[in-house]
Amino acid sequence: MARRTKDTGTAISVMGESGEWIDEASQMVVTNGVLVLIAGDEAAQRDVGTALLRFRRGDWGDIDGEDAQQNDATADALDSPDRSTYGLLLGAYTAAGQPIWITRQVTDADGGQSITVLLPDEY
């Protein structure tokens, strides 16, 4: 399952395949703090892209085992055909030596989703 990241100037996006949770029904937000962190820094942009790919695969990064288990259960519920489940996933990673978080949240009963890349102090 090939994924590709691309630099869109000042933001990173992950291109998913149709029917997956990073799709046209998803919104991705990259906060100002992360934009400043990655601006003009290709290595930091790659770090964020890699973190997004890890998050998409269910690799929650640097969170403890209990939180990872909760994420796994929430991800299963969010990905169910029912789509009536609301929840939040959190992954913790590093970009350019700084901690970053990635969150995924179902935003409506139709399955609309929001993915946010942020610095911990922006939560």
PDB file of N, CA and C in Angstrom:
ATOM      1  N   MET A   1       0.843  -1.161   0.000  1.00  0.00           N
ATOM      2  CA  MET A   1       0.000   0.000   0.000  1.00  0.00           C
ATOM      3  C   MET A   1       0.893   1.229   0.000  1.00  0.00           C
ATOM      4  N   ALA A   2       1.144   1.773  -1.119  1.00  0.00           N
ATOM      5  CA  ALA A   2       2.058   2.916  -1.229  1.00  0.00           C
ATOM      6  C   ALA A   2       1.358   4.191  -0.802  1.00  0.00           C
ATOM      7  N   ARG A   3       2.050   4.995  -0.070  1.00  0.00           N
ATOM      8  CA  ARG A   3       1.588   6.314   0.329  1.00  0.00           C
ATOM      9  C   ARG A   3       2.641   7.306  -0.104  1.00  0.00           C
ATOM     10  N   ARG A   4       2.220   8.491  -0.391  1.00  0.00           N
ATOM     11  CA  ARG A   4       3.215   9.481  -0.739  1.00  0.00           C
ATOM     12  C   ARG A   4       2.876  10.758  -0.004  1.00  0.00           C
ATOM     13  N   THR A   5       3.894  11.427   0.434  1.00  0.00           N
ATOM     14  CA  THR A   5       3.699  12.734   1.040  1.00  0.00           C
ATOM     15  C   THR A   5       4.196  13.756   0.050  1.00  0.00           C
ATOM     16  N   LYS A   6       3.629  14.907   0.116  1.00  0.00           N
ATOM     17  CA  LYS A   6       4.111  15.957  -0.773  1.00  0.00           C
ATOM     18  C   LYS A   6       4.172  17.265  -0.014  1.00  0.00           C
ATOM     19  N   ASP A   7       5.118  18.082  -0.363  1.00  0.00           N
ATOM     20  CA  ASP A   7       5.252  19.403   0.214  1.00  0.00           C
ATOM     21  C   ASP A   7       4.309  20.316  -0.553  1.00  0.00           C
ATOM     22  N   THR A   8       3.375  20.923   0.147  1.00  0.00           N
ATOM     23  CA  THR A   8       2.417  21.816  -0.495  1.00  0.00           C
ATOM     24  C   THR A   8       2.765  23.269  -0.190  1.00  0.00           C
ATOM     25  N   GLY A   9       4.047  23.557  -0.084  1.00  0.00           N
ATOM     26  CA  GLY A   9       4.482  24.913   0.206  1.00  0.00           C
ATOM     27  C   GLY A   9       4.827  25.051   1.668  1.00  0.00           C
ATOM     28  N   THR A  10       3.814  25.212   2.505  1.00  0.00           N
ATOM     29  CA  THR A  10       4.054  25.341   3.932  1.00  0.00           C
ATOM     30  C   THR A  10       3.340  24.270   4.735  1.00  0.00           C
ATOM     31  N   ALA A  11       2.750  23.304   4.079  1.00  0.00           N
ATOM     32  CA  ALA A  11       2.021  22.257   4.787  1.00  0.00           C
ATOM     33  C   ALA A  11       2.339  20.905   4.175  1.00  0.00           C
ATOM     34  N   ILE A  12       2.053  19.870   4.919  1.00  0.00           N
ATOM     35  CA  ILE A  12       2.266  18.498   4.471  1.00  0.00           C
ATOM     36  C   ILE A  12       0.902  17.838   4.324  1.00  0.00           C
ATOM     37  N   SER A  13       0.695  17.101   3.252  1.00  0.00           N
ATOM     38  CA  SER A  13      -0.528  16.318   3.135  1.00  0.00           C
ATOM     39  C   SER A  13      -0.162  14.883   2.802  1.00  0.00           C
ATOM     40  N   VAL A  14      -1.018  13.978   3.211  1.00  0.00           N
ATOM     41  CA  VAL A  14      -0.838  12.568   2.918  1.00  0.00           C
ATOM     42  C   VAL A  14      -1.936  12.171   1.951  1.00  0.00           C
ATOM     43  N   MET A  15      -1.537  11.584   0.848  1.00  0.00           N
ATOM     44  CA  MET A  15      -2.498  11.166  -0.148  1.00  0.00           C
ATOM     45  C   MET A  15      -2.919   9.731   0.153  1.00  0.00           C
ATOM     46  N   GLY A  16      -4.193   9.512   0.452  1.00  0.00           N
ATOM     47  CA  GLY A  16      -4.702   8.181   0.757  1.00  0.00           C
ATOM     48  C   GLY A  16      -5.434   7.618  -0.440  1.00  0.00           C
ATOM     49  N   GLU A  17      -5.781   6.353  -0.341  1.00  0.00           N
ATOM     50  CA  GLU A  17      -6.538   5.703  -1.402  1.00  0.00           C
ATOM     51  C   GLU A  17      -8.029   5.849  -1.106  1.00  0.00           C
ATOM     52  N   SER A  18      -8.841   5.782  -2.125  1.00  0.00           N
ATOM     53  CA  SER A  18     -10.280   5.933  -1.973  1.00  0.00           C
ATOM     54  C   SER A  18     -10.825   4.945  -0.945  1.00  0.00           C
ATOM     55  N   GLY A  19     -11.728   5.433  -0.098  1.00  0.00           N
ATOM     56  CA  GLY A  19     -12.357   4.577   0.892  1.00  0.00           C
ATOM     57  C   GLY A  19     -11.597   4.474   2.195  1.00  0.00           C
ATOM     58  N   GLU A  20     -10.440   5.079   2.287  1.00  0.00           N
ATOM     59  CA  GLU A  20      -9.689   5.047   3.527  1.00  0.00           C
ATOM     60  C   GLU A  20      -9.928   6.336   4.294  1.00  0.00           C
ATOM     61  N   TRP A  21      -9.519   6.361   5.543  1.00  0.00           N
ATOM     62  CA  TRP A  21      -9.900   7.490   6.383  1.00  0.00           C
ATOM     63  C   TRP A  21      -9.208   8.781   6.043  1.00  0.00           C
ATOM     64  N   ILE A  22      -8.102   8.781   5.325  1.00  0.00           N
ATOM     65  CA  ILE A  22      -7.572  10.040   4.800  1.00  0.00           C
ATOM     66  C   ILE A  22      -8.082  10.115   3.367  1.00  0.00           C
ATOM     67  N   ASP A  23      -9.217  10.771   3.204  1.00  0.00           N
ATOM     68  CA  ASP A  23      -9.860  10.845   1.903  1.00  0.00           C
ATOM     69  C   ASP A  23     -10.556  12.188   1.778  1.00  0.00           C
ATOM     70  N   GLU A  24     -11.382  12.318   0.756  1.00  0.00           N
ATOM     71  CA  GLU A  24     -12.024  13.597   0.521  1.00  0.00           C
ATOM     72  C   GLU A  24     -12.999  13.993   1.625  1.00  0.00           C
ATOM     73  N   ALA A  25     -13.428  13.050   2.465  1.00  0.00           N
ATOM     74  CA  ALA A  25     -14.321  13.374   3.576  1.00  0.00           C
ATOM     75  C   ALA A  25     -13.546  13.884   4.789  1.00  0.00           C
ATOM     76  N   SER A  26     -12.243  13.804   4.745  1.00  0.00           N
ATOM     77  CA  SER A  26     -11.415  14.239   5.868  1.00  0.00           C
ATOM     78  C   SER A  26     -10.902  15.650   5.649  1.00  0.00           C
ATOM     79  N   GLN A  27     -10.762  16.354   6.743  1.00  0.00           N
ATOM     80  CA  GLN A  27     -10.111  17.651   6.719  1.00  0.00           C
ATOM     81  C   GLN A  27      -8.796  17.504   7.464  1.00  0.00           C
ATOM     82  N   MET A  28      -7.745  18.089   6.958  1.00  0.00           N
ATOM     83  CA  MET A  28      -6.483  18.086   7.670  1.00  0.00           C
ATOM     84  C   MET A  28      -6.120  19.517   8.005  1.00  0.00           C
ATOM     85  N   VAL A  29      -5.791  19.714   9.271  1.00  0.00           N
ATOM     86  CA  VAL A  29      -5.385  21.022   9.759  1.00  0.00           C
ATOM     87  C   VAL A  29      -3.971  20.895  10.288  1.00  0.00           C
ATOM     88  N   VAL A  30      -3.113  21.798   9.877  1.00  0.00           N
ATOM     89  CA  VAL A  30      -1.759  21.907  10.404  1.00  0.00           C
ATOM     90  C   VAL A  30      -1.703  23.269  11.089  1.00  0.00           C
ATOM     91  N   THR A  31      -1.426  23.271  12.392  1.00  0.00           N
ATOM     92  CA  THR A  31      -1.468  24.514  13.155  1.00  0.00           C
ATOM     93  C   THR A  31      -0.305  25.437  12.801  1.00  0.00           C
ATOM     94  N   ASN A  32      -0.445  26.693  13.199  1.00  0.00           N
ATOM     95  CA  ASN A  32       0.596  27.679  12.933  1.00  0.00           C
ATOM     96  C   ASN A  32       1.935  27.270  13.523  1.00  0.00           C
ATOM     97  N   GLY A  33       1.926  26.708  14.728  1.00  0.00           N
ATOM     98  CA  GLY A  33       3.179  26.290  15.353  1.00  0.00           C
ATOM     99  C   GLY A  33       3.913  25.249  14.535  1.00  0.00           C
ATOM    100  N   VAL A  34       3.169  24.297  13.984  1.00  0.00           N
ATOM    101  CA  VAL A  34       3.791  23.275  13.142  1.00  0.00           C
ATOM    102  C   VAL A  34       4.237  23.878  11.823  1.00  0.00           C
ATOM    103  N   LEU A  35       3.449  24.783  11.263  1.00  0.00           N
ATOM    104  CA  LEU A  35       3.858  25.440  10.016  1.00  0.00           C
ATOM    105  C   LEU A  35       5.174  26.189  10.199  1.00  0.00           C
ATOM    106  N   VAL A  36       5.330  26.865  11.325  1.00  0.00           N
ATOM    107  CA  VAL A  36       6.586  27.562  11.609  1.00  0.00           C
ATOM    108  C   VAL A  36       7.716  26.551  11.745  1.00  0.00           C
ATOM    109  N   LEU A  37       7.452  25.436  12.425  1.00  0.00           N
ATOM    110  CA  LEU A  37       8.462  24.405  12.634  1.00  0.00           C
ATOM    111  C   LEU A  37       8.979  23.827  11.317  1.00  0.00           C
ATOM    112  N   ILE A  38       8.086  23.630  10.346  1.00  0.00           N
ATOM    113  CA  ILE A  38       8.484  22.956   9.105  1.00  0.00           C
ATOM    114  C   ILE A  38       8.837  23.912   7.970  1.00  0.00           C
ATOM    115  N   ALA A  39       8.570  25.196   8.147  1.00  0.00           N
ATOM    116  CA  ALA A  39       8.807  26.170   7.073  1.00  0.00           C
ATOM    117  C   ALA A  39      10.264  26.136   6.625  1.00  0.00           C
ATOM    118  N   GLY A  40      10.457  25.814   5.363  1.00  0.00           N
ATOM    119  CA  GLY A  40      11.792  25.803   4.775  1.00  0.00           C
ATOM    120  C   GLY A  40      12.702  24.694   5.273  1.00  0.00           C
ATOM    121  N   ASP A  41      12.185  23.765   6.043  1.00  0.00           N
ATOM    122  CA  ASP A  41      12.993  22.681   6.620  1.00  0.00           C
ATOM    123  C   ASP A  41      12.494  21.345   6.067  1.00  0.00           C
ATOM    124  N   GLU A  42      13.135  20.881   5.003  1.00  0.00           N
ATOM    125  CA  GLU A  42      12.695  19.641   4.351  1.00  0.00           C
ATOM    126  C   GLU A  42      12.739  18.449   5.287  1.00  0.00           C
ATOM    127  N   ALA A  43      13.731  18.386   6.174  1.00  0.00           N
ATOM    128  CA  ALA A  43      13.819  17.266   7.119  1.00  0.00           C
ATOM    129  C   ALA A  43      12.624  17.287   8.070  1.00  0.00           C
ATOM    130  N   ALA A  44      12.241  18.460   8.550  1.00  0.00           N
ATOM    131  CA  ALA A  44      11.083  18.569   9.440  1.00  0.00           C
ATOM    132  C   ALA A  44       9.799  18.207   8.693  1.00  0.00           C
ATOM    133  N   GLN A  45       9.701  18.619   7.420  1.00  0.00           N
ATOM    134  CA  GLN A  45       8.540  18.258   6.620  1.00  0.00           C
ATOM    135  C   GLN A  45       8.443  16.745   6.453  1.00  0.00           C
ATOM    136  N   ARG A  46       9.592  16.098   6.216  1.00  0.00           N
ATOM    137  CA  ARG A  46       9.602  14.634   6.110  1.00  0.00           C
ATOM    138  C   ARG A  46       9.212  14.000   7.439  1.00  0.00           C
ATOM    139  N   ASP A  47       9.708  14.562   8.549  1.00  0.00           N
ATOM    140  CA  ASP A  47       9.348  14.036   9.871  1.00  0.00           C
ATOM    141  C   ASP A  47       7.835  14.069  10.078  1.00  0.00           C
ATOM    142  N   VAL A  48       7.206  15.177   9.702  1.00  0.00           N
ATOM    143  CA  VAL A  48       5.759  15.295   9.860  1.00  0.00           C
ATOM    144  C   VAL A  48       5.048  14.311   8.922  1.00  0.00           C
ATOM    145  N   GLY A  49       5.512  14.209   7.688  1.00  0.00           N
ATOM    146  CA  GLY A  49       4.922  13.242   6.754  1.00  0.00           C
ATOM    147  C   GLY A  49       5.045  11.816   7.264  1.00  0.00           C
ATOM    148  N   THR A  50       6.213  11.468   7.797  1.00  0.00           N
ATOM    149  CA  THR A  50       6.421  10.130   8.357  1.00  0.00           C
ATOM    150  C   THR A  50       5.507   9.903   9.553  1.00  0.00           C
ATOM    151  N   ALA A  51       5.369  10.914  10.409  1.00  0.00           N
ATOM    152  CA  ALA A  51       4.479  10.786  11.565  1.00  0.00           C
ATOM    153  C   ALA A  51       3.040  10.556  11.111  1.00  0.00           C
ATOM    154  N   LEU A  52       2.597  11.265  10.067  1.00  0.00           N
ATOM    155  CA  LEU A  52       1.243  11.059   9.549  1.00  0.00           C
ATOM    156  C   LEU A  52       1.052   9.641   9.020  1.00  0.00           C
ATOM    157  N   LEU A  53       2.049   9.138   8.332  1.00  0.00           N
ATOM    158  CA  LEU A  53       1.958   7.767   7.827  1.00  0.00           C
ATOM    159  C   LEU A  53       1.919   6.767   8.980  1.00  0.00           C
ATOM    160  N   ARG A  54       2.748   6.970   9.994  1.00  0.00           N
ATOM    161  CA  ARG A  54       2.739   6.088  11.164  1.00  0.00           C
ATOM    162  C   ARG A  54       1.368   6.127  11.842  1.00  0.00           C
ATOM    163  N   PHE A  55       0.833   7.319  12.020  1.00  0.00           N
ATOM    164  CA  PHE A  55      -0.476   7.492  12.643  1.00  0.00           C
ATOM    165  C   PHE A  55      -1.548   6.764  11.838  1.00  0.00           C
ATOM    166  N   ARG A  56      -1.500   6.916  10.530  1.00  0.00           N
ATOM    167  CA  ARG A  56      -2.470   6.262   9.652  1.00  0.00           C
ATOM    168  C   ARG A  56      -2.430   4.750   9.769  1.00  0.00           C
ATOM    169  N   ARG A  57      -1.247   4.206  10.024  1.00  0.00           N
ATOM    170  CA  ARG A  57      -1.076   2.754  10.162  1.00  0.00           C
ATOM    171  C   ARG A  57      -1.420   2.249  11.561  1.00  0.00           C
ATOM    172  N   GLY A  58      -1.763   3.141  12.480  1.00  0.00           N
ATOM    173  CA  GLY A  58      -2.077   2.719  13.842  1.00  0.00           C
ATOM    174  C   GLY A  58      -0.863   2.647  14.742  1.00  0.00           C
ATOM    175  N   ASP A  59       0.233   3.258  14.330  1.00  0.00           N
ATOM    176  CA  ASP A  59       1.429   3.382  15.177  1.00  0.00           C
ATOM    177  C   ASP A  59       1.288   4.734  15.869  1.00  0.00           C
ATOM    178  N   TRP A  60       0.952   4.702  17.155  1.00  0.00           N
ATOM    179  CA  TRP A  60       0.595   5.914  17.886  1.00  0.00           C
ATOM    180  C   TRP A  60       1.804   6.678  18.418  1.00  0.00           C
ATOM    181  N   GLY A  61       3.001   6.220  18.097  1.00  0.00           N
ATOM    182  CA  GLY A  61       4.200   6.957  18.486  1.00  0.00           C
ATOM    183  C   GLY A  61       4.543   6.779  19.950  1.00  0.00           C
ATOM    184  N   ASP A  62       4.858   7.883  20.593  1.00  0.00           N
ATOM    185  CA  ASP A  62       5.397   7.878  21.950  1.00  0.00           C
ATOM    186  C   ASP A  62       4.312   8.045  23.009  1.00  0.00           C
ATOM    187  N   ILE A  63       3.305   7.167  22.992  1.00  0.00           N
ATOM    188  CA  ILE A  63       2.305   7.189  24.054  1.00  0.00           C
ATOM    189  C   ILE A  63       2.385   5.871  24.812  1.00  0.00           C
ATOM    190  N   ASP A  64       1.877   5.873  26.047  1.00  0.00           N
ATOM    191  CA  ASP A  64       2.015   4.672  26.872  1.00  0.00           C
ATOM    192  C   ASP A  64       1.067   3.567  26.402  1.00  0.00           C
ATOM    193  N   GLY A  65       1.305   2.372  26.900  1.00  0.00           N
ATOM    194  CA  GLY A  65       0.570   1.183  26.459  1.00  0.00           C
ATOM    195  C   GLY A  65      -0.926   1.273  26.663  1.00  0.00           C
ATOM    196  N   GLU A  66      -1.355   1.817  27.793  1.00  0.00           N
ATOM    197  CA  GLU A  66      -2.783   1.932  28.063  1.00  0.00           C
ATOM    198  C   GLU A  66      -3.463   2.872  27.075  1.00  0.00           C
ATOM    199  N   ASP A  67      -2.820   4.010  26.811  1.00  0.00           N
ATOM    200  CA  ASP A  67      -3.378   4.949  25.828  1.00  0.00           C
ATOM    201  C   ASP A  67      -3.370   4.348  24.421  1.00  0.00           C
ATOM    202  N   ALA A  68      -2.341   3.576  24.094  1.00  0.00           N
ATOM    203  CA  ALA A  68      -2.278   2.916  22.781  1.00  0.00           C
ATOM    204  C   ALA A  68      -3.424   1.915  22.647  1.00  0.00           C
ATOM    205  N   GLN A  69      -3.713   1.166  23.700  1.00  0.00           N
ATOM    206  CA  GLN A  69      -4.826   0.212  23.650  1.00  0.00           C
ATOM    207  C   GLN A  69      -6.156   0.938  23.471  1.00  0.00           C
ATOM    208  N   GLN A  70      -6.321   2.068  24.168  1.00  0.00           N
ATOM    209  CA  GLN A  70      -7.545   2.860  24.007  1.00  0.00           C
ATOM    210  C   GLN A  70      -7.657   3.377  22.576  1.00  0.00           C
ATOM    211  N   ASN A  71      -6.543   3.847  22.017  1.00  0.00           N
ATOM    212  CA  ASN A  71      -6.545   4.297  20.621  1.00  0.00           C
ATOM    213  C   ASN A  71      -6.962   3.167  19.690  1.00  0.00           C
ATOM    214  N   ASP A  72      -6.420   1.965  19.902  1.00  0.00           N
ATOM    215  CA  ASP A  72      -6.767   0.821  19.055  1.00  0.00           C
ATOM    216  C   ASP A  72      -8.273   0.560  19.081  1.00  0.00           C
ATOM    217  N   ALA A  73      -8.852   0.563  20.287  1.00  0.00           N
ATOM    218  CA  ALA A  73     -10.292   0.310  20.415  1.00  0.00           C
ATOM    219  C   ALA A  73     -11.099   1.424  19.760  1.00  0.00           C
ATOM    220  N   THR A  74     -10.682   2.661  19.947  1.00  0.00           N
ATOM    221  CA  THR A  74     -11.382   3.795  19.340  1.00  0.00           C
ATOM    222  C   THR A  74     -11.260   3.757  17.826  1.00  0.00           C
ATOM    223  N   ALA A  75     -10.070   3.431  17.309  1.00  0.00           N
ATOM    224  CA  ALA A  75      -9.874   3.355  15.857  1.00  0.00           C
ATOM    225  C   ALA A  75     -10.787   2.303  15.245  1.00  0.00           C
ATOM    226  N   ASP A  76     -10.917   1.151  15.903  1.00  0.00           N
ATOM    227  CA  ASP A  76     -11.814   0.115  15.398  1.00  0.00           C
ATOM    228  C   ASP A  76     -13.246   0.624  15.331  1.00  0.00           C
ATOM    229  N   ALA A  77     -13.677   1.338  16.372  1.00  0.00           N
ATOM    230  CA  ALA A  77     -15.042   1.870  16.386  1.00  0.00           C
ATOM    231  C   ALA A  77     -15.229   2.947  15.321  1.00  0.00           C
ATOM    232  N   LEU A  78     -14.229   3.816  15.172  1.00  0.00           N
ATOM    233  CA  LEU A  78     -14.335   4.892  14.177  1.00  0.00           C
ATOM    234  C   LEU A  78     -14.364   4.358  12.756  1.00  0.00           C
ATOM    235  N   ASP A  79     -13.695   3.239  12.529  1.00  0.00           N
ATOM    236  CA  ASP A  79     -13.615   2.670  11.184  1.00  0.00           C
ATOM    237  C   ASP A  79     -14.762   1.724  10.871  1.00  0.00           C
ATOM    238  N   SER A  80     -15.683   1.538  11.815  1.00  0.00           N
ATOM    239  CA  SER A  80     -16.801   0.617  11.581  1.00  0.00           C
ATOM    240  C   SER A  80     -17.766   1.230  10.572  1.00  0.00           C
ATOM    241  N   PRO A  81     -18.491   0.377   9.843  1.00  0.00           N
ATOM    242  CA  PRO A  81     -19.458   0.887   8.863  1.00  0.00           C
ATOM    243  C   PRO A  81     -20.579   1.699   9.504  1.00  0.00           C
ATOM    244  N   ASP A  82     -20.807   1.489  10.793  1.00  0.00           N
ATOM    245  CA  ASP A  82     -21.867   2.180  11.527  1.00  0.00           C
ATOM    246  C   ASP A  82     -21.676   3.698  11.459  1.00  0.00           C
ATOM    247  N   ARG A  83     -20.445   4.162  11.626  1.00  0.00           N
ATOM    248  CA  ARG A  83     -20.077   5.579  11.543  1.00  0.00           C
ATOM    249  C   ARG A  83     -20.821   6.458  12.544  1.00  0.00           C
ATOM    250  N   SER A  84     -21.526   5.863  13.535  1.00  0.00           N
ATOM    251  CA  SER A  84     -22.216   6.685  14.521  1.00  0.00           C
ATOM    252  C   SER A  84     -21.341   6.931  15.745  1.00  0.00           C
ATOM    253  N   THR A  85     -20.147   6.368  15.751  1.00  0.00           N
ATOM    254  CA  THR A  85     -19.245   6.513  16.879  1.00  0.00           C
ATOM    255  C   THR A  85     -18.445   7.799  16.751  1.00  0.00           C
ATOM    256  N   TYR A  86     -18.368   8.519  17.840  1.00  0.00           N
ATOM    257  CA  TYR A  86     -17.523   9.705  17.905  1.00  0.00           C
ATOM    258  C   TYR A  86     -16.343   9.365  18.798  1.00  0.00           C
ATOM    259  N   GLY A  87     -15.211   9.911  18.520  1.00  0.00           N
ATOM    260  CA  GLY A  87     -14.057   9.634  19.350  1.00  0.00           C
ATOM    261  C   GLY A  87     -12.865  10.432  18.898  1.00  0.00           C
ATOM    262  N   LEU A  88     -11.799  10.330  19.692  1.00  0.00           N
ATOM    263  CA  LEU A  88     -10.575  11.058  19.418  1.00  0.00           C
ATOM    264  C   LEU A  88      -9.403  10.102  19.525  1.00  0.00           C
ATOM    265  N   LEU A  89      -8.512  10.163  18.549  1.00  0.00           N
ATOM    266  CA  LEU A  89      -7.256   9.419  18.580  1.00  0.00           C
ATOM    267  C   LEU A  89      -6.128  10.420  18.754  1.00  0.00           C
ATOM    268  N   LEU A  90      -5.076  10.021  19.464  1.00  0.00           N
ATOM    269  CA  LEU A  90      -3.928  10.890  19.674  1.00  0.00           C
ATOM    270  C   LEU A  90      -2.656  10.111  19.440  1.00  0.00           C
ATOM    271  N   GLY A  91      -1.757  10.687  18.649  1.00  0.00           N
ATOM    272  CA  GLY A  91      -0.420  10.143  18.459  1.00  0.00           C
ATOM    273  C   GLY A  91       0.598  11.199  18.840  1.00  0.00           C
ATOM    274  N   ALA A  92       1.728  10.762  19.381  1.00  0.00           N
ATOM    275  CA  ALA A  92       2.787  11.688  19.802  1.00  0.00           C
ATOM    276  C   ALA A  92       4.076  11.312  19.088  1.00  0.00           C
ATOM    277  N   TYR A  93       4.686  12.266  18.411  1.00  0.00           N
ATOM    278  CA  TYR A  93       5.864  12.027  17.578  1.00  0.00           C
ATOM    279  C   TYR A  93       6.861  13.167  17.762  1.00  0.00           C
ATOM    280  N   THR A  94       7.934  13.135  16.998  1.00  0.00           N
ATOM    281  CA  THR A  94       8.947  14.182  17.033  1.00  0.00           C
ATOM    282  C   THR A  94       9.222  14.654  15.602  1.00  0.00           C
ATOM    283  N   ALA A  95       9.306  15.965  15.437  1.00  0.00           N
ATOM    284  CA  ALA A  95       9.692  16.566  14.155  1.00  0.00           C
ATOM    285  C   ALA A  95      10.706  17.658  14.460  1.00  0.00           C
ATOM    286  N   ALA A  96      11.837  17.607  13.790  1.00  0.00           N
ATOM    287  CA  ALA A  96      12.910  18.582  13.998  1.00  0.00           C
ATOM    288  C   ALA A  96      13.284  18.677  15.476  1.00  0.00           C
ATOM    289  N   GLY A  97      13.243  17.536  16.172  1.00  0.00           N
ATOM    290  CA  GLY A  97      13.607  17.487  17.583  1.00  0.00           C
ATOM    291  C   GLY A  97      12.550  18.022  18.530  1.00  0.00           C
ATOM    292  N   GLN A  98      11.399  18.430  17.993  1.00  0.00           N
ATOM    293  CA  GLN A  98      10.313  18.980  18.813  1.00  0.00           C
ATOM    294  C   GLN A  98       9.151  17.997  18.859  1.00  0.00           C
ATOM    295  N   PRO A  99       8.458  17.899  20.000  1.00  0.00           N
ATOM    296  CA  PRO A  99       7.292  17.024  20.054  1.00  0.00           C
ATOM    297  C   PRO A  99       6.148  17.591  19.211  1.00  0.00           C
ATOM    298  N   ILE A 100       5.468  16.712  18.499  1.00  0.00           N
ATOM    299  CA  ILE A 100       4.242  17.070  17.779  1.00  0.00           C
ATOM    300  C   ILE A 100       3.186  16.044  18.126  1.00  0.00           C
ATOM    301  N   TRP A 101       1.958  16.441  18.057  1.00  0.00           N
ATOM    302  CA  TRP A 101       0.827  15.537  18.245  1.00  0.00           C
ATOM    303  C   TRP A 101       0.027  15.499  16.953  1.00  0.00           C
ATOM    304  N   ILE A 102      -0.596  14.356  16.718  1.00  0.00           N
ATOM    305  CA  ILE A 102      -1.561  14.215  15.627  1.00  0.00           C
ATOM    306  C   ILE A 102      -2.838  13.678  16.246  1.00  0.00           C
ATOM    307  N   THR A 103      -3.951  14.324  15.924  1.00  0.00           N
ATOM    308  CA  THR A 103      -5.244  13.856  16.412  1.00  0.00           C
ATOM    309  C   THR A 103      -6.155  13.546  15.233  1.00  0.00           C
ATOM    310  N   ARG A 104      -7.066  12.644  15.464  1.00  0.00           N
ATOM    311  CA  ARG A 104      -8.102  12.309  14.483  1.00  0.00           C
ATOM    312  C   ARG A 104      -9.411  12.267  15.227  1.00  0.00           C
ATOM    313  N   GLN A 105     -10.399  12.958  14.699  1.00  0.00           N
ATOM    314  CA  GLN A 105     -11.691  13.014  15.349  1.00  0.00           C
ATOM    315  C   GLN A 105     -12.790  12.930  14.308  1.00  0.00           C
ATOM    316  N   VAL A 106     -13.818  12.109  14.596  1.00  0.00           N
ATOM    317  CA  VAL A 106     -15.004  12.083  13.745  1.00  0.00           C
ATOM    318  C   VAL A 106     -15.807  13.321  14.110  1.00  0.00           C
ATOM    319  N   THR A 107     -16.158  14.101  13.098  1.00  0.00           N
ATOM    320  CA  THR A 107     -16.786  15.390  13.345  1.00  0.00           C
ATOM    321  C   THR A 107     -18.286  15.404  13.095  1.00  0.00           C
ATOM    322  N   ASP A 108     -18.827  14.359  12.465  1.00  0.00           N
ATOM    323  CA  ASP A 108     -20.273  14.297  12.270  1.00  0.00           C
ATOM    324  C   ASP A 108     -20.701  12.860  12.019  1.00  0.00           C
ATOM    325  N   ALA A 109     -22.004  12.633  12.082  1.00  0.00           N
ATOM    326  CA  ALA A 109     -22.551  11.282  11.942  1.00  0.00           C
ATOM    327  C   ALA A 109     -22.346  10.715  10.540  1.00  0.00           C
ATOM    328  N   ASP A 110     -22.058  11.562   9.561  1.00  0.00           N
ATOM    329  CA  ASP A 110     -21.824  11.086   8.197  1.00  0.00           C
ATOM    330  C   ASP A 110     -20.390  10.611   7.992  1.00  0.00           C
ATOM    331  N   GLY A 111     -19.596  10.614   9.050  1.00  0.00           N
ATOM    332  CA  GLY A 111     -18.234  10.111   8.950  1.00  0.00           C
ATOM    333  C   GLY A 111     -17.192  11.161   8.632  1.00  0.00           C
ATOM    334  N   GLY A 112     -17.587  12.440   8.581  1.00  0.00           N
ATOM    335  CA  GLY A 112     -16.602  13.492   8.360  1.00  0.00           C
ATOM    336  C   GLY A 112     -15.550  13.441   9.453  1.00  0.00           C
ATOM    337  N   GLN A 113     -14.304  13.595   9.055  1.00  0.00           N
ATOM    338  CA  GLN A 113     -13.223  13.464  10.013  1.00  0.00           C
ATOM    339  C   GLN A 113     -12.277  14.642   9.922  1.00  0.00           C
ATOM    340  N   SER A 114     -11.692  14.949  11.051  1.00  0.00           N
ATOM    341  CA  SER A 114     -10.722  16.017  11.135  1.00  0.00           C
ATOM    342  C   SER A 114      -9.422  15.437  11.660  1.00  0.00           C
ATOM    343  N   ILE A 115      -8.345  15.705  10.957  1.00  0.00           N
ATOM    344  CA  ILE A 115      -7.010  15.287  11.370  1.00  0.00           C
ATOM    345  C   ILE A 115      -6.224  16.561  11.618  1.00  0.00           C
ATOM    346  N   THR A 116      -5.632  16.671  12.796  1.00  0.00           N
ATOM    347  CA  THR A 116      -4.903  17.881  13.167  1.00  0.00           C
ATOM    348  C   THR A 116      -3.478  17.525  13.545  1.00  0.00           C
ATOM    349  N   VAL A 117      -2.531  18.283  13.011  1.00  0.00           N
ATOM    350  CA  VAL A 117      -1.121  18.174  13.400  1.00  0.00           C
ATOM    351  C   VAL A 117      -0.825  19.438  14.194  1.00  0.00           C
ATOM    352  N   LEU A 118      -0.369  19.271  15.437  1.00  0.00           N
ATOM    353  CA  LEU A 118      -0.192  20.413  16.318  1.00  0.00           C
ATOM    354  C   LEU A 118       0.966  20.203  17.278  1.00  0.00           C
ATOM    355  N   LEU A 119       1.413  21.289  17.871  1.00  0.00           N
ATOM    356  CA  LEU A 119       2.372  21.215  18.953  1.00  0.00           C
ATOM    357  C   LEU A 119       1.592  20.986  20.246  1.00  0.00           C
ATOM    358  N   PRO A 120       2.160  20.266  21.219  1.00  0.00           N
ATOM    359  CA  PRO A 120       1.422  19.986  22.448  1.00  0.00           C
ATOM    360  C   PRO A 120       0.878  21.237  23.138  1.00  0.00           C
ATOM    361  N   ASP A 121       1.600  22.348  23.104  1.00  0.00           N
ATOM    362  CA  ASP A 121       1.101  23.548  23.786  1.00  0.00           C
ATOM    363  C   ASP A 121      -0.003  24.265  22.994  1.00  0.00           C
ATOM    364  N   GLU A 122      -0.350  23.749  21.816  1.00  0.00           N
ATOM    365  CA  GLU A 122      -1.455  24.309  21.030  1.00  0.00           C
ATOM    366  C   GLU A 122      -2.761  23.555  21.261  1.00  0.00           C
ATOM    367  N   TYR A 123      -2.732  22.521  22.109  1.00  0.00           N
ATOM    368  CA  TYR A 123      -3.938  21.712  22.354  1.00  0.00           C
ATOM    369  C   TYR A 123      -4.913  22.462  23.202  1.00  0.00           C
TER     370      TYR A 123
END
